[in-house]
Protein backbone atom coordinates (compact mmCIF):
# COMPACT_ATOMS: atom_id res chain seq x y z
CA MET A 1 -0.21 0.01 0.25
CA SER A 2 2.05 3.62 -0.84
CA LYS A 3 2.04 5.78 1.54
CA LYS A 4 -0.47 8.50 1.98
CA ILE A 5 0.89 11.74 2.18
CA GLY A 6 -1.20 14.99 3.29
CA VAL A 7 -0.73 18.33 1.06
CA VAL A 8 -1.81 21.27 3.06
CA LEU A 9 -3.20 24.11 0.79
CA SER A 10 -3.96 28.09 1.45
CA GLY A 11 -5.60 29.22 -2.07
CA CYS A 12 -4.37 29.28 -5.46
CA GLY A 13 -1.95 32.38 -6.42
CA VAL A 14 1.32 33.03 -4.65
CA ARG A 15 0.06 36.60 -3.37
CA ASP A 16 -3.11 35.52 -1.68
CA GLY A 17 -2.51 31.68 -1.78
CA SER A 18 -0.52 28.47 -2.29
CA GLU A 19 2.80 29.18 -4.47
CA ILE A 20 1.60 27.07 -7.98
CA HIS A 21 5.31 26.58 -8.65
CA GLU A 22 5.17 24.57 -5.39
CA ALA A 23 1.98 22.58 -4.99
CA VAL A 24 2.53 20.89 -8.38
CA LEU A 25 6.25 20.07 -8.04
CA THR A 26 5.36 18.93 -4.49
CA LEU A 27 2.35 17.20 -5.74
CA LEU A 28 5.00 15.53 -8.77
CA ALA A 29 7.62 14.66 -5.91
CA ILE A 30 5.43 12.91 -4.26
CA ASP A 31 3.47 10.92 -7.18
CA GLN A 32 7.20 10.02 -8.62
CA ALA A 33 8.14 8.51 -5.26
CA GLY A 34 4.95 6.23 -5.74
CA ALA A 35 2.81 7.67 -2.74
CA GLU A 36 -0.53 8.91 -2.67
CA ALA A 37 -1.32 12.50 -1.97
CA ILE A 38 -4.33 13.59 -0.30
CA CYS A 39 -4.90 17.49 -0.73
CA MET A 40 -6.60 19.65 1.60
CA ALA A 41 -7.30 22.89 2.86
CA PRO A 42 -9.69 24.93 4.94
CA ASP A 43 -12.69 25.99 4.83
CA THR A 44 -12.08 30.02 5.01
CA GLU A 45 -12.62 33.78 3.59
CA LEU A 46 -8.95 34.94 1.63
CA ALA A 47 -8.83 38.10 0.48
CA GLU A 48 -8.43 38.17 -2.94
CA VAL A 49 -4.98 39.56 -5.02
CA ASN A 50 -4.93 40.33 -8.39
CA HIS A 51 -2.11 38.36 -9.81
CA LEU A 52 -1.46 40.72 -12.98
CA THR A 53 -0.97 43.97 -10.44
CA MET A 54 -0.21 42.35 -7.65
CA GLU A 55 -3.00 44.31 -5.57
CA ALA A 56 -5.47 43.65 -3.40
CA THR A 57 -9.23 44.09 -5.27
CA GLY A 58 -11.58 44.26 -2.39
CA ALA A 59 -12.93 40.48 -2.98
CA THR A 60 -13.37 37.73 -1.31
CA ARG A 61 -12.25 33.77 -1.64
CA ASN A 62 -13.00 30.74 -0.47
CA VAL A 63 -9.32 29.20 0.32
CA LEU A 64 -10.87 24.97 0.32
CA VAL A 65 -12.64 26.38 -3.27
CA GLU A 66 -9.56 27.76 -4.45
CA SER A 67 -7.32 25.29 -3.09
CA ALA A 68 -10.15 22.79 -5.78
CA ARG A 69 -7.86 24.59 -8.39
CA ILE A 70 -4.84 23.26 -7.71
CA ALA A 71 -6.05 20.00 -7.14
CA ARG A 72 -8.42 19.12 -9.93
CA GLY A 73 -11.08 19.28 -7.53
CA ASN A 74 -9.91 16.06 -5.70
CA ILE A 75 -9.58 17.95 -2.33
CA LYS A 76 -11.36 17.70 1.42
CA ASN A 77 -11.93 20.13 4.47
CA ILE A 78 -8.54 19.69 6.73
CA ALA A 79 -11.24 20.04 9.44
CA ASP A 80 -12.34 16.59 8.20
CA ILE A 81 -8.37 14.48 8.03
CA LYS A 82 -7.07 13.27 11.34
CA ALA A 83 -3.32 11.91 11.68
CA SER A 84 -4.83 8.80 11.71
CA ASP A 85 -5.63 9.45 7.74
CA LEU A 86 -1.99 10.21 6.65
CA ASP A 87 1.86 8.77 7.11
CA ALA A 88 3.10 12.70 6.78
CA LEU A 89 2.12 16.46 6.49
CA ILE A 90 3.68 18.55 3.97
CA PHE A 91 3.19 22.08 3.19
CA PRO A 92 3.95 24.04 0.13
CA GLY A 93 4.66 28.01 0.36
CA GLY A 94 3.33 30.70 -0.59
CA PHE A 95 1.74 34.55 1.19
CA GLY A 96 -1.10 32.00 1.73
CA ALA A 97 0.17 29.51 4.12
CA ALA A 98 1.13 33.21 6.01
CA LEU A 99 -1.78 34.58 5.66
CA ASN A 100 -4.42 32.30 5.53
CA LEU A 101 -3.41 28.86 7.62
CA CYS A 102 -2.17 31.58 10.07
CA GLU A 103 -0.89 35.61 11.03
CA PHE A 104 2.15 35.46 10.21
CA ALA A 105 2.26 37.66 7.74
CA GLN A 106 0.40 39.94 9.63
CA LYS A 107 1.73 39.55 13.55
CA GLY A 108 4.53 37.54 12.58
CA ALA A 109 5.26 35.45 15.84
CA ALA A 110 2.69 36.51 18.21
CA GLY A 111 -0.34 35.74 15.20
CA SER A 112 -2.75 33.16 16.03
CA VAL A 113 -2.79 30.10 14.15
CA ASN A 114 -6.22 28.51 12.15
CA PRO A 115 -7.31 25.83 14.61
CA GLU A 116 -7.83 23.27 12.09
CA VAL A 117 -4.12 23.52 10.47
CA ALA A 118 -2.52 23.55 14.02
CA ARG A 119 -4.65 20.20 15.51
CA LEU A 120 -3.51 18.24 12.83
CA VAL A 121 0.11 19.23 12.67
CA ARG A 122 0.25 18.94 16.63
CA ASP A 123 -1.68 15.63 16.38
CA VAL A 124 0.79 14.48 13.21
CA HIS A 125 4.11 15.86 15.12
CA ALA A 126 2.68 13.73 18.15
CA ALA A 127 2.27 10.77 16.55
CA LYS A 128 6.43 10.98 15.35
CA LYS A 129 4.91 11.05 11.31
CA PRO A 130 7.40 13.69 9.28
CA ILE A 131 6.41 17.47 8.31
CA GLY A 132 7.14 18.89 5.17
CA ALA A 133 7.46 22.81 4.63
CA VAL A 134 8.50 25.06 2.28
CA CYS A 135 9.14 28.46 1.25
CA ILE A 136 7.07 30.85 3.97
CA ALA A 137 5.37 27.98 5.00
CA PRO A 138 7.78 26.65 8.04
CA ALA A 139 7.19 30.28 9.58
CA LEU A 140 3.87 27.98 10.49
CA ILE A 141 5.44 25.51 11.17
CA ALA A 142 6.95 27.27 14.09
CA ALA A 143 4.45 29.07 14.95
CA ILE A 144 2.68 25.77 15.77
CA LEU A 145 5.35 23.75 17.66
CA GLY A 146 8.06 26.70 18.04
CA LYS A 147 7.59 26.67 21.88
CA GLU A 148 7.46 23.15 22.89
CA THR A 149 9.95 21.32 20.48
CA GLY A 150 12.40 24.47 19.60
CA ALA A 151 12.16 22.76 16.41
CA THR A 152 14.89 23.71 13.73
CA VAL A 153 13.94 24.95 9.94
CA THR A 154 14.33 27.22 7.05
CA ILE A 155 13.23 29.69 5.04
CA GLY A 156 16.27 30.55 3.32
CA ASN A 157 18.33 33.22 4.35
CA ASP A 158 16.61 36.41 5.27
CA ALA A 159 17.76 37.75 8.58
CA GLY A 160 14.16 39.45 9.30
CA THR A 161 12.05 36.48 9.12
CA ALA A 162 14.94 34.41 10.22
CA ALA A 163 14.35 36.72 13.52
CA GLU A 164 10.90 35.69 13.71
CA ILE A 165 10.58 32.67 13.44
CA GLU A 166 13.21 32.20 16.78
CA LYS A 167 10.68 34.44 18.86
CA THR A 168 8.47 31.22 18.62
CA GLY A 169 10.87 29.30 20.20
CA ALA A 170 11.92 27.23 17.26
CA LYS A 171 15.72 27.95 15.14
CA HIS A 172 16.36 28.66 12.17
CA GLN A 173 19.23 27.46 10.04
CA ASN A 174 20.35 29.26 7.02
CA CYS A 175 19.74 27.29 3.60
CA SER A 176 20.25 27.58 -0.03
CA VAL A 177 17.65 27.43 -2.11
CA THR A 178 18.42 23.92 -3.60
CA GLU A 179 19.08 22.25 -0.22
CA PHE A 180 17.25 21.40 2.79
CA VAL A 181 17.26 21.19 6.68
CA VAL A 182 16.33 18.57 8.71
CA ASP A 183 15.83 18.86 12.67
CA THR A 184 15.52 14.55 13.21
CA GLU A 185 14.64 14.59 17.15
CA ASN A 186 11.23 16.99 15.26
CA ARG A 187 11.54 14.62 11.79
CA ILE A 188 10.45 17.83 10.13
CA VAL A 189 12.06 18.99 6.80
CA THR A 190 11.53 22.20 5.44
CA SER A 191 13.30 23.71 2.23
CA PRO A 192 13.60 27.85 1.32
CA ALA A 193 11.85 27.38 -2.51
CA TYR A 194 11.31 30.96 -3.35
CA MET A 195 12.19 32.30 -0.52
CA LEU A 196 15.31 31.89 -2.35
CA GLY A 197 14.96 30.29 -6.30
CA GLN A 198 15.00 32.38 -9.40
CA ARG A 199 14.27 29.57 -11.48
CA ILE A 200 11.98 26.94 -11.61
CA THR A 201 14.78 24.42 -11.75
CA GLU A 202 16.00 24.89 -8.81
CA VAL A 203 13.18 25.23 -6.61
CA ALA A 204 12.26 21.80 -7.90
CA GLU A 205 15.51 20.41 -6.42
CA GLY A 206 14.73 21.47 -3.43
CA ILE A 207 11.37 20.94 -3.40
CA GLY A 208 12.13 17.63 -4.65
CA LYS A 209 15.40 16.46 -2.18
CA CYS A 210 12.86 17.84 0.68
CA VAL A 211 9.91 15.93 -0.14
CA LYS A 212 11.58 12.76 -0.91
CA ALA A 213 12.92 13.15 3.08
CA VAL A 214 9.83 13.71 3.68
CA ILE A 215 8.54 10.36 2.24
CA GLU A 216 11.68 8.25 3.62
CA MET A 217 10.85 8.83 7.40
CA ALA A 218 7.12 8.39 7.12
């Protein structure tokens, strides 16, 4: 039986949801490893951004409905997913991970986390199942687990973001775009992706290594 890897999406588009390249590269790497992706997202609202102008439109969209675009409709409400349904959990990046899954974008380390996202991350971690995160999503993992675990993550080398992550109790480790950081004790794997990447090929390399490491742990 193939391993079931949860993929938590946060919308559809780099400025108000999941970064589409990162999400698709994650899904591709999972499939190439012979595992099964279980896509999910919270059933909440997001503030829409026009991705041509990169400006807010004033309209709202639904995170679950928007995420379904990436998942080709094969997606579940995260509230319906339990740790026992999965062998591992992975978070692609995109600003939505810091806007819609938590308030890191608005409030940094002081921000709250969507309760269903926090529940699933804590339950997966408690079950000693691996968690992966790329781009800005490691900040979300830090917000949930940093204080209680002192987990080590990376978002690349942005000093301001790294400092805010360390305010959660997590540790930040600098990392290049094509590499990844493993916290063996906490079974957390992270990679910078488009926090550093300039080309899709180098982002793909880092994400591929991150996903492979997560699946090997599962």
